[in-house]
Amino acid sequence: MEEILKLEKNILLTMKKYYKKKKRGPVQSKKIEYDGITFASGLEKYMYIALKEANIVAEYEPTSYTLMEGFDFESKAYERCSNGKGVYKNRGCKKILPITYKPDFVGRDFIIECKGRANESFPLRWKMFKEWIMLHAPTLTLFKPQNQAECDLTVRHIQDMRKNHRKNAKKKTSL
């Protein structure tokens, strides 16, 4: 009986090892070409088609916004490489690159960022971009759909937003 229990334990341990998931790196979306445009993800392609079918004009990744200017770091800084590898040494006295952001779609009154799964730097960059919008273009509306249903909802919001804008413009002219 004791031998059977040992044998069962060995089988269970072996089975656990077999089903153990390997860690993989960050999520890599597949690039997709449609209408001569190479989209970074299927969600971006879906958003493009939804905007096009609704006759909403938007450019795909037309410009990059500088959220923080680059600068010369002239002090010492003891650290490893940014990926955590390498030797711990002085990595100071270097030019620090600017932080930039390129949204997926830009229309005359909106910006859309399709984001299925965000990487670790995205939440900070998104907050910085919201601040940039607040300071430089407060009339723009931001959208961040994360699935196809939210893309469809985004299109409806833009249509409603524009319909309300036209109604308000007519009211102002009639007064």
C-alpha atoms as a PDB file:
ATOM      1  CA  MET A   1       0.000   0.000   0.000  1.00  0.00           C
ATOM      2  CA  GLU A   2       2.847   2.362   0.884  1.00  0.00           C
ATOM      3  CA  GLU A   3       4.512   1.684  -2.487  1.00  0.00           C
ATOM      4  CA  ILE A   4       1.280   2.546  -4.318  1.00  0.00           C
ATOM      5  CA  LEU A   5       1.036   5.890  -2.453  1.00  0.00           C
ATOM      6  CA  LYS A   6       4.660   6.711  -3.364  1.00  0.00           C
ATOM      7  CA  LEU A   7       3.943   5.819  -6.966  1.00  0.00           C
ATOM      8  CA  GLU A   8       0.803   8.034  -6.980  1.00  0.00           C
ATOM      9  CA  LYS A   9       2.789  10.928  -5.483  1.00  0.00           C
ATOM     10  CA  ASN A  10       5.436  10.562  -8.194  1.00  0.00           C
ATOM     11  CA  ILE A  11       2.774  10.576 -10.900  1.00  0.00           C
ATOM     12  CA  LEU A  12       1.126  13.678  -9.388  1.00  0.00           C
ATOM     13  CA  LEU A  13       4.463  15.483  -9.122  1.00  0.00           C
ATOM     14  CA  THR A  14       5.290  14.574 -12.701  1.00  0.00           C
ATOM     15  CA  MET A  15       1.895  15.788 -13.875  1.00  0.00           C
ATOM     16  CA  LYS A  16       2.288  19.104 -12.048  1.00  0.00           C
ATOM     17  CA  LYS A  17       5.640  19.699 -13.708  1.00  0.00           C
ATOM     18  CA  TYR A  18       4.174  18.894 -17.116  1.00  0.00           C
ATOM     19  CA  TYR A  19       1.389  21.477 -16.833  1.00  0.00           C
ATOM     20  CA  LYS A  20       3.526  24.247 -15.349  1.00  0.00           C
ATOM     21  CA  LYS A  21       3.256  27.363 -17.525  1.00  0.00           C
ATOM     22  CA  LYS A  22       6.388  29.046 -18.754  1.00  0.00           C
ATOM     23  CA  LYS A  23       6.752  32.759 -18.208  1.00  0.00           C
ATOM     24  CA  ARG A  24       6.738  34.700 -21.407  1.00  0.00           C
ATOM     25  CA  GLY A  25       7.786  38.269 -22.034  1.00  0.00           C
ATOM     26  CA  PRO A  26       5.438  41.184 -22.582  1.00  0.00           C
ATOM     27  CA  VAL A  27       2.430  40.742 -24.851  1.00  0.00           C
ATOM     28  CA  GLN A  28       3.335  41.249 -28.497  1.00  0.00           C
ATOM     29  CA  SER A  29       0.460  42.267 -30.733  1.00  0.00           C
ATOM     30  CA  LYS A  30       0.586  41.176 -34.350  1.00  0.00           C
ATOM     31  CA  LYS A  31       1.025  43.841 -36.990  1.00  0.00           C
ATOM     32  CA  ILE A  32      -1.798  43.799 -39.526  1.00  0.00           C
ATOM     33  CA  GLU A  33      -1.940  45.491 -42.930  1.00  0.00           C
ATOM     34  CA  TYR A  34      -5.229  46.847 -44.257  1.00  0.00           C
ATOM     35  CA  ASP A  35      -5.957  49.573 -46.838  1.00  0.00           C
ATOM     36  CA  GLY A  36      -2.204  50.051 -47.299  1.00  0.00           C
ATOM     37  CA  ILE A  37      -1.762  50.913 -43.590  1.00  0.00           C
ATOM     38  CA  THR A  38       0.216  48.723 -41.190  1.00  0.00           C
ATOM     39  CA  PHE A  39      -1.632  48.675 -37.875  1.00  0.00           C
ATOM     40  CA  ALA A  40       0.100  47.712 -34.644  1.00  0.00           C
ATOM     41  CA  SER A  41      -2.831  45.507 -33.580  1.00  0.00           C
ATOM     42  CA  GLY A  42      -6.107  43.981 -34.689  1.00  0.00           C
ATOM     43  CA  LEU A  43      -7.969  46.352 -32.374  1.00  0.00           C
ATOM     44  CA  GLU A  44      -6.499  49.370 -34.214  1.00  0.00           C
ATOM     45  CA  LYS A  45      -7.616  47.864 -37.541  1.00  0.00           C
ATOM     46  CA  TYR A  46     -11.106  47.306 -36.115  1.00  0.00           C
ATOM     47  CA  MET A  47     -11.254  50.935 -34.919  1.00  0.00           C
ATOM     48  CA  TYR A  48     -10.111  52.171 -38.341  1.00  0.00           C
ATOM     49  CA  ILE A  49     -12.866  50.192 -40.087  1.00  0.00           C
ATOM     50  CA  ALA A  50     -15.494  51.385 -37.569  1.00  0.00           C
ATOM     51  CA  LEU A  51     -14.493  55.043 -38.075  1.00  0.00           C
ATOM     52  CA  LYS A  52     -14.443  54.626 -41.856  1.00  0.00           C
ATOM     53  CA  GLU A  53     -17.898  52.980 -41.938  1.00  0.00           C
ATOM     54  CA  ALA A  54     -19.276  55.849 -39.810  1.00  0.00           C
ATOM     55  CA  ASN A  55     -17.688  58.437 -42.165  1.00  0.00           C
ATOM     56  CA  ILE A  56     -15.620  59.884 -39.322  1.00  0.00           C
ATOM     57  CA  VAL A  57     -12.360  61.326 -40.602  1.00  0.00           C
ATOM     58  CA  ALA A  58      -9.295  60.492 -38.521  1.00  0.00           C
ATOM     59  CA  GLU A  59      -5.612  60.079 -39.300  1.00  0.00           C
ATOM     60  CA  TYR A  60      -3.694  57.020 -38.126  1.00  0.00           C
ATOM     61  CA  GLU A  61      -0.640  57.898 -35.987  1.00  0.00           C
ATOM     62  CA  PRO A  62      -0.196  61.301 -37.651  1.00  0.00           C
ATOM     63  CA  THR A  63       2.036  62.976 -35.090  1.00  0.00           C
ATOM     64  CA  SER A  64       4.112  62.431 -31.998  1.00  0.00           C
ATOM     65  CA  TYR A  65       3.648  64.658 -28.944  1.00  0.00           C
ATOM     66  CA  THR A  66       6.589  65.551 -26.699  1.00  0.00           C
ATOM     67  CA  LEU A  67       5.399  65.097 -23.124  1.00  0.00           C
ATOM     68  CA  MET A  68       8.733  65.874 -21.484  1.00  0.00           C
ATOM     69  CA  GLU A  69      11.751  67.462 -23.140  1.00  0.00           C
ATOM     70  CA  GLY A  70      15.054  65.618 -23.173  1.00  0.00           C
ATOM     71  CA  PHE A  71      17.909  66.995 -21.105  1.00  0.00           C
ATOM     72  CA  ASP A  72      21.581  66.553 -20.281  1.00  0.00           C
ATOM     73  CA  PHE A  73      22.064  64.673 -17.011  1.00  0.00           C
ATOM     74  CA  GLU A  74      25.405  65.922 -15.748  1.00  0.00           C
ATOM     75  CA  SER A  75      25.526  64.173 -12.369  1.00  0.00           C
ATOM     76  CA  LYS A  76      26.712  60.709 -11.445  1.00  0.00           C
ATOM     77  CA  ALA A  77      24.144  57.917 -11.333  1.00  0.00           C
ATOM     78  CA  TYR A  78      25.137  54.442 -10.173  1.00  0.00           C
ATOM     79  CA  GLU A  79      22.793  51.852 -11.616  1.00  0.00           C
ATOM     80  CA  ARG A  80      22.425  48.817 -13.847  1.00  0.00           C
ATOM     81  CA  CYS A  81      21.055  49.061 -17.366  1.00  0.00           C
ATOM     82  CA  SER A  82      17.371  49.988 -17.488  1.00  0.00           C
ATOM     83  CA  ASN A  83      16.421  46.335 -18.083  1.00  0.00           C
ATOM     84  CA  GLY A  84      18.030  45.390 -14.753  1.00  0.00           C
ATOM     85  CA  LYS A  85      20.947  43.576 -16.368  1.00  0.00           C
ATOM     86  CA  GLY A  86      24.572  44.516 -16.681  1.00  0.00           C
ATOM     87  CA  VAL A  87      27.098  45.866 -14.236  1.00  0.00           C
ATOM     88  CA  TYR A  88      26.213  48.294 -11.432  1.00  0.00           C
ATOM     89  CA  LYS A  89      28.308  51.313 -12.389  1.00  0.00           C
ATOM     90  CA  ASN A  90      28.208  55.053 -13.023  1.00  0.00           C
ATOM     91  CA  ARG A  91      25.798  55.599 -15.895  1.00  0.00           C
ATOM     92  CA  GLY A  92      25.455  59.338 -15.420  1.00  0.00           C
ATOM     93  CA  CYS A  93      26.678  62.243 -17.559  1.00  0.00           C
ATOM     94  CA  LYS A  94      24.407  61.329 -20.481  1.00  0.00           C
ATOM     95  CA  LYS A  95      21.735  62.888 -22.631  1.00  0.00           C
ATOM     96  CA  ILE A  96      18.276  61.800 -21.464  1.00  0.00           C
ATOM     97  CA  LEU A  97      15.879  61.373 -24.373  1.00  0.00           C
ATOM     98  CA  PRO A  98      12.487  63.116 -24.403  1.00  0.00           C
ATOM     99  CA  ILE A  99       9.321  61.249 -23.467  1.00  0.00           C
ATOM    100  CA  THR A 100       7.030  61.209 -26.490  1.00  0.00           C
ATOM    101  CA  TYR A 101       3.595  59.814 -27.217  1.00  0.00           C
ATOM    102  CA  LYS A 102       1.958  58.918 -30.527  1.00  0.00           C
ATOM    103  CA  PRO A 103      -1.805  58.275 -30.284  1.00  0.00           C
ATOM    104  CA  ASP A 104      -3.448  55.869 -32.702  1.00  0.00           C
ATOM    105  CA  PHE A 105      -6.123  58.107 -34.245  1.00  0.00           C
ATOM    106  CA  VAL A 106      -6.471  61.881 -34.326  1.00  0.00           C
ATOM    107  CA  GLY A 107      -9.600  63.625 -35.574  1.00  0.00           C
ATOM    108  CA  ARG A 108     -10.558  67.305 -35.534  1.00  0.00           C
ATOM    109  CA  ASP A 109     -12.167  67.040 -32.075  1.00  0.00           C
ATOM    110  CA  PHE A 110     -10.937  63.739 -30.634  1.00  0.00           C
ATOM    111  CA  ILE A 111      -7.975  61.450 -30.044  1.00  0.00           C
ATOM    112  CA  ILE A 112      -8.292  57.666 -29.788  1.00  0.00           C
ATOM    113  CA  GLU A 113      -5.771  55.296 -28.212  1.00  0.00           C
ATOM    114  CA  CYS A 114      -6.678  51.629 -28.740  1.00  0.00           C
ATOM    115  CA  LYS A 115      -5.084  49.689 -25.925  1.00  0.00           C
ATOM    116  CA  GLY A 116      -5.806  45.997 -25.452  1.00  0.00           C
ATOM    117  CA  ARG A 117      -3.169  45.231 -22.827  1.00  0.00           C
ATOM    118  CA  ALA A 118      -0.954  48.023 -21.593  1.00  0.00           C
ATOM    119  CA  ASN A 119       2.757  47.620 -20.954  1.00  0.00           C
ATOM    120  CA  GLU A 120       4.221  48.869 -17.682  1.00  0.00           C
ATOM    121  CA  SER A 121       5.149  52.343 -18.988  1.00  0.00           C
ATOM    122  CA  PHE A 122       1.761  53.124 -20.549  1.00  0.00           C
ATOM    123  CA  PRO A 123      -0.181  54.308 -17.442  1.00  0.00           C
ATOM    124  CA  LEU A 124       2.418  56.993 -16.663  1.00  0.00           C
ATOM    125  CA  ARG A 125       2.686  58.068 -20.303  1.00  0.00           C
ATOM    126  CA  TRP A 126      -1.142  58.240 -20.545  1.00  0.00           C
ATOM    127  CA  LYS A 127      -1.316  60.487 -17.457  1.00  0.00           C
ATOM    128  CA  MET A 128       1.364  62.749 -18.925  1.00  0.00           C
ATOM    129  CA  PHE A 129      -0.547  62.889 -22.213  1.00  0.00           C
ATOM    130  CA  LYS A 130      -3.776  63.825 -20.401  1.00  0.00           C
ATOM    131  CA  GLU A 131      -1.909  66.689 -18.752  1.00  0.00           C
ATOM    132  CA  TRP A 132      -0.528  67.776 -22.152  1.00  0.00           C
ATOM    133  CA  ILE A 133      -4.086  67.784 -23.570  1.00  0.00           C
ATOM    134  CA  MET A 134      -5.398  69.762 -20.594  1.00  0.00           C
ATOM    135  CA  LEU A 135      -2.698  72.418 -21.101  1.00  0.00           C
ATOM    136  CA  HIS A 136      -2.549  72.595 -24.920  1.00  0.00           C
ATOM    137  CA  ALA A 137      -5.820  71.284 -26.383  1.00  0.00           C
ATOM    138  CA  PRO A 138      -8.534  71.169 -23.705  1.00  0.00           C
ATOM    139  CA  THR A 139     -11.379  70.975 -26.250  1.00  0.00           C
ATOM    140  CA  LEU A 140     -10.233  67.571 -27.577  1.00  0.00           C
ATOM    141  CA  THR A 141     -11.977  64.486 -26.225  1.00  0.00           C
ATOM    142  CA  LEU A 142      -9.855  61.429 -25.399  1.00  0.00           C
ATOM    143  CA  PHE A 143     -11.023  57.864 -25.933  1.00  0.00           C
ATOM    144  CA  LYS A 144      -9.198  54.684 -24.895  1.00  0.00           C
ATOM    145  CA  PRO A 145     -11.183  51.646 -26.090  1.00  0.00           C
ATOM    146  CA  GLN A 146      -9.810  48.287 -24.957  1.00  0.00           C
ATOM    147  CA  ASN A 147     -12.027  45.937 -26.952  1.00  0.00           C
ATOM    148  CA  GLN A 148     -14.266  45.914 -30.037  1.00  0.00           C
ATOM    149  CA  ALA A 149     -17.438  46.750 -28.096  1.00  0.00           C
ATOM    150  CA  GLU A 150     -15.733  49.863 -26.690  1.00  0.00           C
ATOM    151  CA  CYS A 151     -14.576  50.793 -30.219  1.00  0.00           C
ATOM    152  CA  ASP A 152     -18.214  50.705 -31.352  1.00  0.00           C
ATOM    153  CA  LEU A 153     -19.221  52.760 -28.319  1.00  0.00           C
ATOM    154  CA  THR A 154     -16.464  55.274 -29.100  1.00  0.00           C
ATOM    155  CA  VAL A 155     -17.858  55.766 -32.619  1.00  0.00           C
ATOM    156  CA  ARG A 156     -21.347  56.373 -31.177  1.00  0.00           C
ATOM    157  CA  HIS A 157     -19.942  58.879 -28.655  1.00  0.00           C
ATOM    158  CA  ILE A 158     -18.170  60.808 -31.437  1.00  0.00           C
ATOM    159  CA  GLN A 159     -21.349  60.845 -33.550  1.00  0.00           C
ATOM    160  CA  ASP A 160     -23.419  62.062 -30.572  1.00  0.00           C
ATOM    161  CA  MET A 161     -20.787  64.645 -29.659  1.00  0.00           C
ATOM    162  CA  ARG A 162     -20.861  66.074 -33.177  1.00  0.00           C
ATOM    163  CA  LYS A 163     -24.660  65.978 -33.377  1.00  0.00           C
ATOM    164  CA  ASN A 164     -24.895  67.947 -30.109  1.00  0.00           C
ATOM    165  CA  HIS A 165     -22.269  70.398 -31.364  1.00  0.00           C
ATOM    166  CA  ARG A 166     -24.332  71.064 -34.517  1.00  0.00           C
ATOM    167  CA  LYS A 167     -27.506  71.556 -32.438  1.00  0.00           C
ATOM    168  CA  ASN A 168     -25.727  74.045 -30.168  1.00  0.00           C
ATOM    169  CA  ALA A 169     -24.313  75.903 -33.171  1.00  0.00           C
ATOM    170  CA  LYS A 170     -27.820  76.219 -34.692  1.00  0.00           C
ATOM    171  CA  LYS A 171     -29.206  77.528 -31.399  1.00  0.00           C
ATOM    172  CA  LYS A 172     -26.490  80.201 -31.225  1.00  0.00           C
ATOM    173  CA  THR A 173     -27.151  81.386 -34.801  1.00  0.00           C
ATOM    174  CA  SER A 174     -30.923  81.563 -34.264  1.00  0.00           C
ATOM    175  CA  LEU A 175     -30.550  83.790 -31.166  1.00  0.00           C
END
